[in-house]
Amino acid sequence: MGTDKGLLVMHSTTWAQAAFDKMSRLGLPVLLSVNDAQYKTYGAVFSPEHLVSDNAAIEAKGPLRGILSIHTSYPSEDLFVLACDMPLMETTILQRLLDCYNANNALAYVYTNDGVQEPLCGIYTALALSNVLQLIKTNQLVKHSMKFLLEHVHTFSIPLAAEQKIYFGNFNTHADLNGM
């Protein structure tokens, strides 16, 4: 995209603020995972208590490092993850995932899109994240992708209906944004 997607604006709100607001509507405490280079910029928009900077001691990259950084700061908390680059996400979709989490006994909860897991809108239990962190520390997690993580934990998956797939649109180029 050539720029920080969380700071892109849609309908006069940054994508990060929109994701923050949607998660807040669920009545959950909300944190934003940022890397060191983003901390100052996001600190101008969000209160410091809502920001968790990547933990450099975690030998993972990308979203996994961010999620595990929050986990190490709050090791007993289950984490509900929503990537900021899904600006079309609806709170009703998030609520359904939360309802499944409250009614079932798995280690992770995600939607599937034609059988493919959507790991950046998911709930990960503290136990699952602790297990993954241990796999990383012992060099047993050979790929540091969220989808690979899901292969190592008992996951509850919810298939997306055709009309729900739009909510999981992930925008990575300016061309993807045409028509929005």
Foldseek 3Di string as FASTA:
>chain_A
DPDDQQQDDDPRHGLVVLVCVLVVVVVDQAADEDEPVCLVVVVVVDPPVRYFYFDPVQPADDPLRRVLSVCVVVLQAKDFAADSQLSLAHSVVLVVQVVCVVVDDWQKEFEDEVNHTDQRGMIGGSVLSVVVSVCRVVVNQVHRDSSSSPVVIGYHYHYDDPVNVSSSDGDDDVVSVPPD
